[in-house]
Amino acid sequence: MKLTCTVLFALLATFGFAQENEKIQWMTWDEAIQQNQVEEKIIFVDVYTNWCGWCKKMDATTFKNPKIVDYMNENYYAVKFNAEQRESITFNGQEFKFVPNGRRGSHELAAALLDGRMSYPSYAFIGKPWDKTVVPGYMGAKDFGCVLKYFVEGAPEGVTYEDYKVEGCAVASTD
């Protein structure tokens, strides 16, 4: 009986560990900035709200896809950023705050990340030297995986992101 319990406990612990490793390693904004100073990677920011249905669908589907999880964890510092969070953030000597407006309001950093286009979900891809591209909207794993690869691996020479997402993405996602 004791051996059975030990084996069962070991299996449960292993399964729990495996489950934890199959999640995107989300960071706070500050953690991603600090980690990027140690080892440079692209910072991926998922800008969401608690009430956004498509954000919840992205969390429940695309962000749980094992290929997306693996690629994201290997190539990005992933940040989940609530566009309506109340806590201030200081970055590059500037304080970003929550701004009440109507029923909800929004965070200044979310507005800066999304260039004022507050639609959810939206994703900011931030490289060096703080080049940024915003990609809005829900995407399934196949399309999202293609977008992730674009920002890491790039597109053929002379192909813009706009052209890539229309034409090249299907070619890039065939693996």
Protein backbone atom coordinates (compact mmCIF):
# COMPACT_ATOMS: atom_id res chain seq x y z
CA MET A 1 0.00 0.00 0.00
CA LYS A 2 2.81 2.38 0.94
CA LEU A 3 4.56 1.73 -2.40
CA THR A 4 1.31 2.30 -4.29
CA CYS A 5 0.78 5.66 -2.57
CA THR A 6 4.37 6.68 -3.28
CA VAL A 7 4.06 5.78 -6.96
CA LEU A 8 0.69 7.54 -7.21
CA PHE A 9 2.10 10.66 -5.54
CA ALA A 10 5.10 10.63 -7.91
CA LEU A 11 2.82 10.33 -10.94
CA LEU A 12 0.60 13.17 -9.75
CA ALA A 13 3.61 15.36 -9.05
CA THR A 14 5.06 14.61 -12.47
CA PHE A 15 1.73 15.24 -14.19
CA GLY A 16 1.32 18.54 -12.31
CA PHE A 17 4.83 19.58 -13.31
CA ALA A 18 4.18 18.68 -16.94
CA GLN A 19 0.96 20.68 -16.88
CA GLU A 20 2.78 23.72 -15.50
CA ASN A 21 5.40 23.51 -18.25
CA GLU A 22 2.66 23.47 -20.88
CA LYS A 23 1.63 27.03 -20.06
CA ILE A 24 2.95 30.26 -21.43
CA GLN A 25 5.37 31.75 -18.93
CA TRP A 26 3.56 35.05 -18.41
CA MET A 27 5.51 37.87 -16.80
CA THR A 28 4.69 41.30 -15.50
CA TRP A 29 5.81 44.30 -17.55
CA ASP A 30 8.66 44.98 -15.08
CA GLU A 31 9.82 41.33 -15.12
CA ALA A 32 9.97 41.29 -18.92
CA ILE A 33 11.91 44.56 -19.05
CA GLN A 34 14.39 43.29 -16.44
CA GLN A 35 14.81 39.90 -18.12
CA ASN A 36 15.32 41.58 -21.49
CA GLN A 37 18.31 43.41 -20.04
CA VAL A 38 19.87 40.03 -19.21
CA GLU A 39 19.00 38.27 -22.48
CA GLU A 40 17.35 40.11 -25.38
CA LYS A 41 14.18 38.63 -26.81
CA ILE A 42 11.10 40.14 -28.33
CA ILE A 43 8.61 41.29 -25.72
CA PHE A 44 5.09 40.12 -26.52
CA VAL A 45 2.32 42.00 -24.72
CA ASP A 46 -1.20 40.59 -24.67
CA VAL A 47 -3.36 43.64 -23.95
CA TYR A 48 -6.71 42.43 -22.65
CA THR A 49 -9.60 43.30 -20.34
CA ASN A 50 -11.50 41.13 -17.88
CA TRP A 51 -14.78 41.62 -19.75
CA CYS A 52 -13.45 40.79 -23.25
CA GLY A 53 -14.98 37.57 -24.60
CA TRP A 54 -12.44 37.18 -27.41
CA CYS A 55 -9.62 37.64 -24.89
CA LYS A 56 -11.04 34.77 -22.85
CA LYS A 57 -11.35 32.63 -25.97
CA MET A 58 -7.70 33.37 -26.84
CA ASP A 59 -6.69 32.25 -23.33
CA ALA A 60 -8.82 29.09 -23.54
CA THR A 61 -7.70 28.01 -27.02
CA THR A 62 -4.74 29.60 -28.79
CA PHE A 63 -2.66 30.31 -25.69
CA LYS A 64 -3.09 26.67 -24.60
CA ASN A 65 -1.98 25.16 -27.90
CA PRO A 66 1.26 23.20 -27.16
CA LYS A 67 3.04 24.51 -30.27
CA ILE A 68 2.14 28.10 -29.40
CA VAL A 69 3.21 27.58 -25.77
CA ASP A 70 6.58 26.09 -26.77
CA TYR A 71 7.33 28.72 -29.41
CA MET A 72 6.28 31.59 -27.16
CA ASN A 73 8.29 30.37 -24.17
CA GLU A 74 11.39 29.81 -26.29
CA ASN A 75 11.36 33.05 -28.28
CA TYR A 76 9.49 35.72 -26.34
CA TYR A 77 9.06 37.38 -22.99
CA ALA A 78 5.30 37.19 -22.71
CA VAL A 79 3.40 39.83 -20.75
CA LYS A 80 -0.31 39.78 -19.93
CA PHE A 81 -1.39 43.37 -19.48
CA ASN A 82 -4.87 44.32 -18.30
CA ALA A 83 -5.72 47.54 -20.12
CA GLU A 84 -7.86 48.58 -17.16
CA GLN A 85 -5.42 47.80 -14.35
CA ARG A 86 -5.25 50.40 -11.60
CA GLU A 87 -1.58 50.07 -10.61
CA SER A 88 0.82 52.66 -11.99
CA ILE A 89 3.92 51.56 -13.90
CA THR A 90 7.12 53.54 -14.24
CA PHE A 91 9.07 52.89 -17.42
CA ASN A 92 11.97 54.89 -18.87
CA GLY A 93 11.44 57.57 -16.24
CA GLN A 94 7.76 58.07 -17.11
CA GLU A 95 4.87 57.09 -14.88
CA PHE A 96 1.91 55.45 -16.62
CA LYS A 97 -1.36 55.54 -14.68
CA PHE A 98 -4.94 54.40 -14.87
CA VAL A 99 -7.17 57.11 -16.34
CA PRO A 100 -10.86 56.96 -15.34
CA ASN A 101 -13.13 57.59 -18.27
CA GLY A 102 -16.82 56.71 -18.46
CA ARG A 103 -17.76 53.36 -16.93
CA ARG A 104 -14.31 51.83 -17.20
CA GLY A 105 -11.26 53.89 -18.09
CA SER A 106 -7.90 52.61 -19.30
CA HIS A 107 -4.24 52.47 -18.42
CA GLU A 108 -1.88 54.93 -20.10
CA LEU A 109 0.63 52.18 -20.86
CA ALA A 110 -2.04 50.18 -22.71
CA ALA A 111 -2.88 53.29 -24.75
CA ALA A 112 0.83 53.83 -25.50
CA LEU A 113 1.33 50.19 -26.48
CA LEU A 114 -1.71 50.19 -28.77
CA ASP A 115 -1.09 53.66 -30.23
CA GLY A 116 -4.44 54.75 -28.76
CA ARG A 117 -6.42 52.09 -30.68
CA MET A 118 -8.07 50.44 -27.71
CA SER A 119 -9.47 47.17 -29.07
CA TYR A 120 -9.18 43.85 -27.33
CA PRO A 121 -7.46 41.57 -27.59
CA SER A 122 -4.49 43.31 -29.16
CA TYR A 123 -0.86 42.31 -29.11
CA ALA A 124 2.24 44.48 -29.09
CA PHE A 125 5.46 42.97 -30.40
CA ILE A 126 8.37 45.00 -29.07
CA GLY A 127 11.91 44.51 -30.36
CA LYS A 128 15.07 46.53 -30.05
CA PRO A 129 15.50 49.47 -30.09
CA TRP A 130 11.89 49.54 -28.94
CA ASP A 131 10.48 49.00 -32.40
CA LYS A 132 6.84 48.07 -31.98
CA THR A 133 4.15 46.47 -34.09
CA VAL A 134 0.55 46.12 -32.94
CA VAL A 135 -1.56 43.20 -34.11
CA PRO A 136 -5.25 43.32 -33.12
CA GLY A 137 -7.88 40.63 -32.76
CA TYR A 138 -8.52 37.03 -31.86
CA MET A 139 -6.59 34.43 -33.87
CA GLY A 140 -6.64 30.68 -33.91
CA ALA A 141 -3.40 28.78 -33.29
CA LYS A 142 -2.45 28.38 -36.97
CA ASP A 143 -2.71 32.09 -37.80
CA PHE A 144 -1.24 33.18 -34.48
CA GLY A 145 1.70 30.78 -34.84
CA CYS A 146 2.43 32.32 -38.19
CA VAL A 147 2.46 35.81 -36.69
CA LEU A 148 4.76 34.66 -33.87
CA LYS A 149 7.19 33.23 -36.40
CA TYR A 150 7.19 36.42 -38.46
CA PHE A 151 8.52 38.51 -35.59
CA VAL A 152 11.26 36.00 -34.76
CA GLU A 153 12.25 34.58 -38.14
CA GLY A 154 11.14 37.42 -40.39
CA ALA A 155 9.79 37.25 -43.91
CA PRO A 156 11.52 36.92 -47.24
CA GLU A 157 13.45 40.05 -48.17
CA GLY A 158 11.25 42.90 -49.30
CA VAL A 159 8.02 41.43 -47.88
CA THR A 160 6.32 43.77 -45.42
CA TYR A 161 4.37 42.52 -42.41
CA GLU A 162 1.12 43.54 -44.13
CA ASP A 163 1.98 41.45 -47.21
CA TYR A 164 3.29 38.58 -45.09
CA LYS A 165 0.13 38.25 -43.05
CA VAL A 166 -1.95 38.12 -46.23
CA GLU A 167 0.27 36.04 -48.52
CA GLY A 168 3.31 34.62 -46.74
CA CYS A 169 1.64 33.40 -43.60
CA ALA A 170 0.06 30.40 -45.31
CA VAL A 171 3.46 29.41 -46.68
CA ALA A 172 5.21 29.90 -43.33
CA SER A 173 2.68 27.82 -41.38
CA THR A 174 2.99 24.67 -43.47
CA ASP A 175 5.43 22.95 -41.08
